[in-house]
Amino acid sequence: MLIRVLGIVVVLLASCGLGFRISYELIDRIEDLQQIKRVLIMLRGEIKYANTPLTEALSTIAFRVPIPWTDFLKEIAETMDACDGSTFPSIFQKAQKKYLDRTSLLPKDLSRFSDFGANLGYLDKEMQLGSIDLYLEELEAEMKDAKEKVEKNSKVYRIMGMAVGVLILLVIL
């Protein structure tokens, strides 16, 4: 009897945990999108007001952001400083795959960010600022959609997790 009760508790906890995990992944995605926004605002400030070259701007910002963004920005700046003949878009994409694939960003978010990086590296100051501003606008819209999804779906995922657990228990019993 004790084993049966323990099994029921484990099934319920596991299914509830899965529902909560999916719910928290939605919230983590919003936090990752907000971090991209912070990085871009700092980058825009470094380029616009301090007239800092892109490599130096990335190095400076790297010390003011959390991991994995620190490692991502450092890698780009160090590879650019090495002057090994790689293009900025390829450096950006390699660093993105290495450090940002483990974030909660969706593949479409990573693809858009990669496209932004491809446009950023070869432009002059004004075009870089325009590219940053354009991407920030897209990011705002995406964050708004993500927040709406969290508000709408977060409770649903949690309740579905519990319901699936109860359903499994009914089938087993």
N, C-alpha and C. Protein backbone atom coordinates (compact mmCIF):
# COMPACT_ATOMS: atom_id res chain seq x y z
N MET A 1 0.81 -1.19 0.00
CA MET A 1 0.00 0.00 0.00
C MET A 1 0.86 1.26 0.00
N LEU A 2 1.93 1.25 0.77
CA LEU A 2 2.83 2.39 0.85
C LEU A 2 3.48 2.67 -0.50
N ILE A 3 3.85 1.61 -1.19
CA ILE A 3 4.47 1.78 -2.50
C ILE A 3 3.48 2.39 -3.48
N ARG A 4 2.25 1.98 -3.39
CA ARG A 4 1.20 2.50 -4.28
C ARG A 4 1.00 4.01 -4.03
N VAL A 5 0.93 4.42 -2.78
CA VAL A 5 0.76 5.84 -2.43
C VAL A 5 1.98 6.63 -2.89
N LEU A 6 3.15 6.08 -2.68
CA LEU A 6 4.38 6.73 -3.11
C LEU A 6 4.39 6.89 -4.63
N GLY A 7 3.95 5.89 -5.36
CA GLY A 7 3.86 5.95 -6.82
C GLY A 7 2.89 7.04 -7.27
N ILE A 8 1.75 7.15 -6.58
CA ILE A 8 0.77 8.19 -6.89
C ILE A 8 1.38 9.57 -6.70
N VAL A 9 2.07 9.75 -5.60
CA VAL A 9 2.70 11.04 -5.31
C VAL A 9 3.77 11.36 -6.36
N VAL A 10 4.56 10.40 -6.74
CA VAL A 10 5.61 10.62 -7.73
C VAL A 10 5.00 11.00 -9.09
N VAL A 11 3.96 10.30 -9.51
CA VAL A 11 3.31 10.61 -10.80
C VAL A 11 2.73 12.01 -10.77
N LEU A 12 2.05 12.38 -9.70
CA LEU A 12 1.47 13.72 -9.60
C LEU A 12 2.54 14.80 -9.57
N LEU A 13 3.59 14.58 -8.80
CA LEU A 13 4.67 15.56 -8.74
C LEU A 13 5.37 15.72 -10.09
N ALA A 14 5.59 14.62 -10.77
CA ALA A 14 6.26 14.67 -12.06
C ALA A 14 5.42 15.42 -13.09
N SER A 15 4.14 15.13 -13.15
CA SER A 15 3.29 15.79 -14.14
C SER A 15 3.11 17.27 -13.80
N CYS A 16 2.94 17.58 -12.53
CA CYS A 16 2.84 18.99 -12.13
C CYS A 16 4.14 19.72 -12.41
N GLY A 17 5.25 19.07 -12.12
CA GLY A 17 6.56 19.66 -12.39
C GLY A 17 6.76 19.96 -13.87
N LEU A 18 6.30 19.06 -14.73
CA LEU A 18 6.41 19.28 -16.16
C LEU A 18 5.59 20.49 -16.60
N GLY A 19 4.38 20.61 -16.09
CA GLY A 19 3.55 21.77 -16.41
C GLY A 19 4.19 23.07 -15.96
N PHE A 20 4.75 23.07 -14.75
CA PHE A 20 5.41 24.27 -14.24
C PHE A 20 6.68 24.59 -15.04
N ARG A 21 7.40 23.55 -15.44
CA ARG A 21 8.63 23.77 -16.21
C ARG A 21 8.33 24.44 -17.55
N ILE A 22 7.32 23.96 -18.23
CA ILE A 22 6.94 24.55 -19.51
C ILE A 22 6.52 26.00 -19.30
N SER A 23 5.78 26.25 -18.23
CA SER A 23 5.35 27.60 -17.90
C SER A 23 6.56 28.51 -17.65
N TYR A 24 7.53 28.02 -16.91
CA TYR A 24 8.72 28.83 -16.60
C TYR A 24 9.60 29.05 -17.83
N GLU A 25 9.58 28.14 -18.79
CA GLU A 25 10.35 28.34 -20.02
C GLU A 25 9.81 29.55 -20.79
N LEU A 26 8.51 29.75 -20.75
CA LEU A 26 7.92 30.92 -21.39
C LEU A 26 8.43 32.20 -20.72
N ILE A 27 8.51 32.17 -19.41
CA ILE A 27 8.99 33.34 -18.66
C ILE A 27 10.48 33.56 -18.91
N ASP A 28 11.25 32.48 -18.97
CA ASP A 28 12.69 32.59 -19.24
C ASP A 28 12.95 33.19 -20.61
N ARG A 29 12.09 32.88 -21.57
CA ARG A 29 12.26 33.44 -22.92
C ARG A 29 12.11 34.96 -22.87
N ILE A 30 11.14 35.43 -22.12
CA ILE A 30 10.96 36.88 -22.00
C ILE A 30 12.20 37.52 -21.37
N GLU A 31 12.75 36.88 -20.36
CA GLU A 31 13.96 37.41 -19.72
C GLU A 31 15.13 37.43 -20.69
N ASP A 32 15.26 36.41 -21.53
CA ASP A 32 16.33 36.39 -22.53
C ASP A 32 16.13 37.48 -23.58
N LEU A 33 14.89 37.70 -23.98
CA LEU A 33 14.61 38.78 -24.93
C LEU A 33 14.92 40.14 -24.31
N GLN A 34 14.61 40.29 -23.03
CA GLN A 34 14.94 41.54 -22.34
C GLN A 34 16.44 41.74 -22.23
N GLN A 35 17.18 40.65 -22.08
CA GLN A 35 18.64 40.76 -22.01
C GLN A 35 19.21 41.18 -23.36
N ILE A 36 18.66 40.66 -24.44
CA ILE A 36 19.09 41.11 -25.77
C ILE A 36 18.83 42.61 -25.89
N LYS A 37 17.68 43.04 -25.43
CA LYS A 37 17.34 44.47 -25.50
C LYS A 37 18.36 45.30 -24.71
N ARG A 38 18.72 44.86 -23.51
CA ARG A 38 19.70 45.58 -22.70
C ARG A 38 21.04 45.67 -23.42
N VAL A 39 21.47 44.56 -23.99
CA VAL A 39 22.75 44.54 -24.71
C VAL A 39 22.71 45.52 -25.88
N LEU A 40 21.62 45.52 -26.62
CA LEU A 40 21.53 46.41 -27.78
C LEU A 40 21.45 47.87 -27.37
N ILE A 41 20.77 48.17 -26.29
CA ILE A 41 20.72 49.56 -25.82
C ILE A 41 22.10 50.02 -25.39
N MET A 42 22.83 49.16 -24.69
CA MET A 42 24.21 49.52 -24.30
C MET A 42 25.09 49.68 -25.53
N LEU A 43 24.93 48.79 -26.50
CA LEU A 43 25.72 48.86 -27.73
C LEU A 43 25.41 50.15 -28.48
N ARG A 44 24.14 50.49 -28.57
CA ARG A 44 23.76 51.73 -29.25
C ARG A 44 24.37 52.94 -28.55
N GLY A 45 24.35 52.93 -27.23
CA GLY A 45 24.94 54.03 -26.47
C GLY A 45 26.44 54.14 -26.69
N GLU A 46 27.12 53.01 -26.69
CA GLU A 46 28.57 53.02 -26.91
C GLU A 46 28.91 53.56 -28.31
N ILE A 47 28.16 53.15 -29.29
CA ILE A 47 28.44 53.57 -30.67
C ILE A 47 28.04 55.03 -30.88
N LYS A 48 26.85 55.39 -30.39
CA LYS A 48 26.31 56.73 -30.68
C LYS A 48 26.97 57.83 -29.85
N TYR A 49 27.08 57.63 -28.55
CA TYR A 49 27.54 58.70 -27.69
C TYR A 49 29.03 58.67 -27.39
N ALA A 50 29.60 57.49 -27.32
CA ALA A 50 31.03 57.39 -27.01
C ALA A 50 31.87 57.25 -28.28
N ASN A 51 31.21 57.10 -29.43
CA ASN A 51 31.91 56.90 -30.71
C ASN A 51 32.90 55.75 -30.64
N THR A 52 32.53 54.71 -29.95
CA THR A 52 33.39 53.55 -29.76
C THR A 52 33.26 52.62 -30.96
N PRO A 53 34.39 52.13 -31.48
CA PRO A 53 34.31 51.12 -32.55
C PRO A 53 33.61 49.86 -32.04
N LEU A 54 33.06 49.10 -32.97
CA LEU A 54 32.24 47.94 -32.62
C LEU A 54 32.99 46.95 -31.71
N THR A 55 34.23 46.66 -32.02
CA THR A 55 35.00 45.69 -31.23
C THR A 55 35.14 46.16 -29.78
N GLU A 56 35.53 47.42 -29.61
CA GLU A 56 35.68 47.95 -28.26
C GLU A 56 34.35 48.03 -27.54
N ALA A 57 33.30 48.39 -28.26
CA ALA A 57 31.97 48.47 -27.65
C ALA A 57 31.54 47.11 -27.12
N LEU A 58 31.76 46.08 -27.91
CA LEU A 58 31.39 44.72 -27.47
C LEU A 58 32.20 44.30 -26.24
N SER A 59 33.49 44.64 -26.23
CA SER A 59 34.34 44.31 -25.07
C SER A 59 33.87 45.03 -23.82
N THR A 60 33.53 46.29 -23.97
CA THR A 60 33.08 47.09 -22.83
C THR A 60 31.77 46.55 -22.27
N ILE A 61 30.84 46.24 -23.15
CA ILE A 61 29.54 45.75 -22.72
C ILE A 61 29.65 44.38 -22.08
N ALA A 62 30.60 43.58 -22.52
CA ALA A 62 30.74 42.21 -22.02
C ALA A 62 30.91 42.16 -20.51
N PHE A 63 31.48 43.19 -19.93
CA PHE A 63 31.71 43.18 -18.49
C PHE A 63 30.50 43.67 -17.69
N ARG A 64 29.45 44.09 -18.40
CA ARG A 64 28.27 44.62 -17.72
C ARG A 64 27.03 43.74 -17.90
N VAL A 65 27.20 42.57 -18.45
CA VAL A 65 26.06 41.68 -18.68
C VAL A 65 26.33 40.32 -18.05
N PRO A 66 25.28 39.55 -17.77
CA PRO A 66 25.48 38.24 -17.16
C PRO A 66 25.89 37.18 -18.19
N ILE A 67 26.32 36.05 -17.67
CA ILE A 67 26.63 34.89 -18.51
C ILE A 67 25.30 34.36 -19.04
N PRO A 68 25.19 33.92 -20.25
CA PRO A 68 26.17 33.63 -21.29
C PRO A 68 26.49 34.83 -22.18
N TRP A 69 25.86 35.97 -21.93
CA TRP A 69 26.08 37.14 -22.78
C TRP A 69 27.50 37.66 -22.67
N THR A 70 28.09 37.59 -21.49
CA THR A 70 29.48 38.00 -21.31
C THR A 70 30.39 37.20 -22.23
N ASP A 71 30.25 35.88 -22.18
CA ASP A 71 31.09 35.01 -23.00
C ASP A 71 30.83 35.23 -24.49
N PHE A 72 29.58 35.41 -24.84
CA PHE A 72 29.20 35.65 -26.24
C PHE A 72 29.87 36.91 -26.78
N LEU A 73 29.77 38.01 -26.04
CA LEU A 73 30.34 39.27 -26.50
C LEU A 73 31.87 39.25 -26.48
N LYS A 74 32.45 38.63 -25.45
CA LYS A 74 33.92 38.52 -25.39
C LYS A 74 34.45 37.73 -26.57
N GLU A 75 33.78 36.63 -26.89
CA GLU A 75 34.23 35.79 -28.00
C GLU A 75 34.22 36.57 -29.31
N ILE A 76 33.17 37.33 -29.54
CA ILE A 76 33.10 38.12 -30.78
C ILE A 76 34.23 39.15 -30.81
N ALA A 77 34.40 39.89 -29.71
CA ALA A 77 35.44 40.93 -29.66
C ALA A 77 36.83 40.34 -29.82
N GLU A 78 37.11 39.24 -29.14
CA GLU A 78 38.43 38.62 -29.22
C GLU A 78 38.71 38.07 -30.62
N THR A 79 37.72 37.47 -31.24
CA THR A 79 37.90 36.93 -32.59
C THR A 79 38.10 38.06 -33.59
N MET A 80 37.38 39.16 -33.41
CA MET A 80 37.57 40.31 -34.30
C MET A 80 38.96 40.90 -34.12
N ASP A 81 39.44 40.97 -32.87
CA ASP A 81 40.78 41.50 -32.61
C ASP A 81 41.86 40.61 -33.20
N ALA A 82 41.61 39.31 -33.27
CA ALA A 82 42.59 38.37 -33.80
C ALA A 82 42.82 38.57 -35.29
N CYS A 83 41.87 39.17 -35.98
CA CYS A 83 41.98 39.44 -37.43
C CYS A 83 42.39 38.20 -38.21
N ASP A 84 41.64 37.11 -38.03
CA ASP A 84 41.98 35.87 -38.72
C ASP A 84 41.32 35.77 -40.10
N GLY A 85 40.70 36.84 -40.56
CA GLY A 85 40.10 36.84 -41.88
C GLY A 85 38.64 36.45 -41.91
N SER A 86 38.08 36.13 -40.76
CA SER A 86 36.66 35.77 -40.70
C SER A 86 35.81 37.03 -40.82
N THR A 87 34.65 36.87 -41.41
CA THR A 87 33.73 38.00 -41.51
C THR A 87 32.95 38.14 -40.21
N PHE A 88 32.44 39.34 -39.97
CA PHE A 88 31.67 39.57 -38.74
C PHE A 88 30.46 38.65 -38.66
N PRO A 89 29.68 38.50 -39.75
CA PRO A 89 28.52 37.59 -39.64
C PRO A 89 28.90 36.17 -39.24
N SER A 90 30.01 35.65 -39.77
CA SER A 90 30.40 34.29 -39.41
C SER A 90 30.88 34.22 -37.97
N ILE A 91 31.59 35.24 -37.50
CA ILE A 91 32.03 35.29 -36.10
C ILE A 91 30.81 35.35 -35.19
N PHE A 92 29.86 36.19 -35.54
CA PHE A 92 28.64 36.37 -34.75
C PHE A 92 27.87 35.05 -34.67
N GLN A 93 27.70 34.38 -35.80
CA GLN A 93 26.93 33.13 -35.82
C GLN A 93 27.61 32.02 -35.04
N LYS A 94 28.94 31.92 -35.15
CA LYS A 94 29.66 30.89 -34.39
C LYS A 94 29.52 31.12 -32.89
N ALA A 95 29.68 32.37 -32.47
CA ALA A 95 29.55 32.68 -31.04
C ALA A 95 28.11 32.45 -30.57
N GLN A 96 27.17 32.79 -31.42
CA GLN A 96 25.76 32.59 -31.06
C GLN A 96 25.45 31.12 -30.87
N LYS A 97 25.91 30.29 -31.78
CA LYS A 97 25.68 28.84 -31.63
C LYS A 97 26.37 28.28 -30.40
N LYS A 98 27.54 28.80 -30.12
CA LYS A 98 28.31 28.29 -29.00
C LYS A 98 27.70 28.68 -27.64
N TYR A 99 27.19 29.90 -27.52
CA TYR A 99 26.76 30.38 -26.21
C TYR A 99 25.26 30.58 -26.05
N LEU A 100 24.55 30.88 -27.11
CA LEU A 100 23.15 31.26 -26.95
C LEU A 100 22.16 30.15 -27.29
N ASP A 101 22.63 29.04 -27.80
CA ASP A 101 21.72 27.93 -28.10
C ASP A 101 21.16 27.30 -26.82
N ARG A 102 21.82 27.52 -25.70
CA ARG A 102 21.36 26.94 -24.43
C ARG A 102 20.38 27.86 -23.70
N THR A 103 20.06 28.99 -24.29
CA THR A 103 19.11 29.90 -23.67
C THR A 103 17.68 29.43 -23.96
N SER A 104 16.72 30.16 -23.44
CA SER A 104 15.31 29.82 -23.67
C SER A 104 14.76 30.46 -24.94
N LEU A 105 15.63 31.06 -25.72
CA LEU A 105 15.18 31.69 -26.97
C LEU A 105 14.71 30.62 -27.95
N LEU A 106 13.66 30.94 -28.67
CA LEU A 106 13.14 30.03 -29.69
C LEU A 106 14.02 30.09 -30.94
N PRO A 107 13.95 29.08 -31.78
CA PRO A 107 14.73 29.12 -33.02
C PRO A 107 14.47 30.37 -33.87
N LYS A 108 13.22 30.85 -33.88
CA LYS A 108 12.93 32.07 -34.65
C LYS A 108 13.62 33.28 -34.03
N ASP A 109 13.73 33.32 -32.70
CA ASP A 109 14.44 34.42 -32.03
C ASP A 109 15.91 34.39 -32.38
N LEU A 110 16.50 33.21 -32.35
CA LEU A 110 17.92 33.06 -32.68
C LEU A 110 18.18 33.40 -34.14
N SER A 111 17.26 33.02 -35.01
CA SER A 111 17.41 33.33 -36.43
C SER A 111 17.37 34.84 -36.68
N ARG A 112 16.43 35.52 -36.04
CA ARG A 112 16.35 36.98 -36.19
C ARG A 112 17.58 37.67 -35.62
N PHE A 113 18.05 37.16 -34.48
CA PHE A 113 19.25 37.75 -33.87
C PHE A 113 20.46 37.52 -34.77
N SER A 114 20.53 36.36 -35.39
CA SER A 114 21.61 36.06 -36.33
C SER A 114 21.54 36.99 -37.54
N ASP A 115 20.34 37.23 -38.04
CA ASP A 115 20.17 38.16 -39.16
C ASP A 115 20.61 39.56 -38.77
N PHE A 116 20.30 39.96 -37.55
CA PHE A 116 20.74 41.27 -37.04
C PHE A 116 22.26 41.34 -37.04
N GLY A 117 22.90 40.28 -36.54
CA GLY A 117 24.37 40.24 -36.50
C GLY A 117 24.99 40.30 -37.88
N ALA A 118 24.33 39.68 -38.86
CA ALA A 118 24.84 39.70 -40.22
C ALA A 118 24.80 41.11 -40.80
N ASN A 119 23.82 41.90 -40.39
CA ASN A 119 23.71 43.26 -40.89
C ASN A 119 24.57 44.25 -40.14
N LEU A 120 24.96 43.93 -38.92
CA LEU A 120 25.64 44.89 -38.06
C LEU A 120 27.10 45.09 -38.42
N GLY A 121 27.79 44.06 -38.78
CA GLY A 121 29.24 44.09 -38.85
C GLY A 121 29.88 44.94 -39.93
N TYR A 122 29.23 45.14 -41.04
CA TYR A 122 29.91 45.82 -42.14
C TYR A 122 29.39 47.23 -42.40
N LEU A 123 28.50 47.71 -41.57
CA LEU A 123 27.88 49.00 -41.80
C LEU A 123 28.65 50.13 -41.13
N ASP A 124 28.43 51.37 -41.61
CA ASP A 124 29.03 52.52 -40.94
C ASP A 124 28.23 52.85 -39.69
N LYS A 125 28.65 53.87 -38.97
CA LYS A 125 28.06 54.19 -37.68
C LYS A 125 26.55 54.43 -37.78
N GLU A 126 26.13 55.25 -38.71
CA GLU A 126 24.70 55.57 -38.83
C GLU A 126 23.87 54.34 -39.20
N MET A 127 24.40 53.53 -40.09
CA MET A 127 23.68 52.32 -40.48
C MET A 127 23.63 51.31 -39.34
N GLN A 128 24.70 51.23 -38.56
CA GLN A 128 24.69 50.35 -37.39
C GLN A 128 23.61 50.79 -36.40
N LEU A 129 23.54 52.10 -36.16
CA LEU A 129 22.53 52.62 -35.24
C LEU A 129 21.13 52.36 -35.77
N GLY A 130 20.93 52.54 -37.07
CA GLY A 130 19.63 52.26 -37.67
C GLY A 130 19.26 50.79 -37.57
N SER A 131 20.25 49.93 -37.78
CA SER A 131 20.02 48.49 -37.67
C SER A 131 19.65 48.10 -36.24
N ILE A 132 20.34 48.69 -35.28
CA ILE A 132 20.04 48.41 -33.87
C ILE A 132 18.63 48.89 -33.54
N ASP A 133 18.28 50.10 -33.97
CA ASP A 133 16.95 50.64 -33.69
C ASP A 133 15.85 49.78 -34.31
N LEU A 134 16.06 49.35 -35.54
CA LEU A 134 15.08 48.51 -36.22
C LEU A 134 14.89 47.18 -35.48
N TYR A 135 16.00 46.57 -35.08
CA TYR A 135 15.91 45.30 -34.37
C TYR A 135 15.25 45.49 -33.00
N LEU A 136 15.52 46.62 -32.35
CA LEU A 136 14.88 46.90 -31.06
C LEU A 136 13.36 47.00 -31.21
N GLU A 137 12.90 47.60 -32.30
CA GLU A 137 11.46 47.68 -32.54
C GLU A 137 10.86 46.29 -32.74
N GLU A 138 11.54 45.45 -33.51
CA GLU A 138 11.08 44.08 -33.71
C GLU A 138 11.07 43.31 -32.39
N LEU A 139 12.09 43.55 -31.60
CA LEU A 139 12.22 42.88 -30.31
C LEU A 139 11.09 43.29 -29.36
N GLU A 140 10.74 44.57 -29.37
CA GLU A 140 9.62 45.05 -28.54
C GLU A 140 8.33 44.33 -28.91
N ALA A 141 8.07 44.21 -30.20
CA ALA A 141 6.86 43.52 -30.65
C ALA A 141 6.88 42.05 -30.23
N GLU A 142 8.02 41.41 -30.36
CA GLU A 142 8.14 40.00 -29.97
C GLU A 142 7.97 39.83 -28.46
N MET A 143 8.52 40.75 -27.69
CA MET A 143 8.36 40.69 -26.24
C MET A 143 6.90 40.88 -25.84
N LYS A 144 6.21 41.76 -26.52
CA LYS A 144 4.79 41.99 -26.23
C LYS A 144 3.99 40.71 -26.50
N ASP A 145 4.27 40.07 -27.65
CA ASP A 145 3.59 38.81 -27.97
C ASP A 145 3.91 37.72 -26.94
N ALA A 146 5.18 37.65 -26.55
CA ALA A 146 5.59 36.64 -25.57
C ALA A 146 4.91 36.86 -24.22
N LYS A 147 4.78 38.12 -23.81
CA LYS A 147 4.12 38.41 -22.54
C LYS A 147 2.64 38.04 -22.59
N GLU A 148 2.02 38.29 -23.73
CA GLU A 148 0.61 37.90 -23.89
C GLU A 148 0.45 36.39 -23.82
N LYS A 149 1.39 35.66 -24.43
CA LYS A 149 1.33 34.20 -24.38
C LYS A 149 1.52 33.69 -22.96
N VAL A 150 2.41 34.32 -22.21
CA VAL A 150 2.62 33.90 -20.83
C VAL A 150 1.36 34.12 -20.01
N GLU A 151 0.76 35.29 -20.17
CA GLU A 151 -0.47 35.57 -19.42
C GLU A 151 -1.58 34.60 -19.77
N LYS A 152 -1.65 34.25 -21.06
CA LYS A 152 -2.73 33.39 -21.53
C LYS A 152 -2.47 31.91 -21.25
N ASN A 153 -1.23 31.47 -21.43
CA ASN A 153 -0.94 30.04 -21.41
C ASN A 153 -0.28 29.52 -20.14
N SER A 154 0.26 30.37 -19.32
CA SER A 154 1.00 29.91 -18.14
C SER A 154 0.14 29.05 -17.22
N LYS A 155 -1.03 29.54 -16.88
CA LYS A 155 -1.92 28.77 -16.00
C LYS A 155 -2.41 27.50 -16.70
N VAL A 156 -2.61 27.60 -18.00
CA VAL A 156 -3.09 26.44 -18.75
C VAL A 156 -2.08 25.30 -18.66
N TYR A 157 -0.79 25.60 -18.84
CA TYR A 157 0.24 24.56 -18.77
C TYR A 157 0.30 23.94 -17.38
N ARG A 158 0.18 24.76 -16.37
CA ARG A 158 0.22 24.24 -15.00
C ARG A 158 -0.97 23.32 -14.73
N ILE A 159 -2.15 23.78 -15.12
CA ILE A 159 -3.36 22.97 -14.90
C ILE A 159 -3.31 21.70 -15.73
N MET A 160 -2.83 21.81 -16.96
CA MET A 160 -2.71 20.62 -17.83
C MET A 160 -1.76 19.60 -17.23
N GLY A 161 -0.68 20.07 -16.62
CA GLY A 161 0.24 19.15 -15.96
C GLY A 161 -0.44 18.37 -14.86
N MET A 162 -1.21 19.08 -14.05
CA MET A 162 -1.95 18.40 -12.97
C MET A 162 -3.01 17.46 -13.54
N ALA A 163 -3.71 17.90 -14.57
CA ALA A 163 -4.78 17.08 -15.16
C ALA A 163 -4.20 15.81 -15.78
N VAL A 164 -3.07 15.93 -16.44
CA VAL A 164 -2.44 14.75 -17.04
C VAL A 164 -2.03 13.77 -15.94
N GLY A 165 -1.52 14.30 -14.84
CA GLY A 165 -1.15 13.43 -13.72
C GLY A 165 -2.34 12.68 -13.17
N VAL A 166 -3.44 13.39 -12.99
CA VAL A 166 -4.66 12.74 -12.50
C VAL A 166 -5.17 11.71 -13.49
N LEU A 167 -5.12 12.05 -14.79
CA LEU A 167 -5.55 11.12 -15.83
C LEU A 167 -4.69 9.86 -15.83
N ILE A 168 -3.40 10.01 -15.70
CA ILE A 168 -2.51 8.84 -15.64
C ILE A 168 -2.87 7.97 -14.44
N LEU A 169 -3.13 8.62 -13.32
CA LEU A 169 -3.48 7.86 -12.13
C LEU A 169 -4.79 7.11 -12.32
N LEU A 170 -5.77 7.74 -12.95
CA LEU A 170 -7.04 7.06 -13.21
C LEU A 170 -6.87 5.86 -14.12
N VAL A 171 -5.99 6.00 -15.11
CA VAL A 171 -5.75 4.88 -16.03
C VAL A 171 -5.02 3.75 -15.30
N ILE A 172 -4.07 4.12 -14.46
CA ILE A 172 -3.31 3.08 -13.74
C ILE A 172 -4.18 2.38 -12.71
N LEU A 173 -4.97 3.15 -11.98
CA LEU A 173 -5.81 2.55 -10.93
C LEU A 173 -6.99 1.91 -11.57
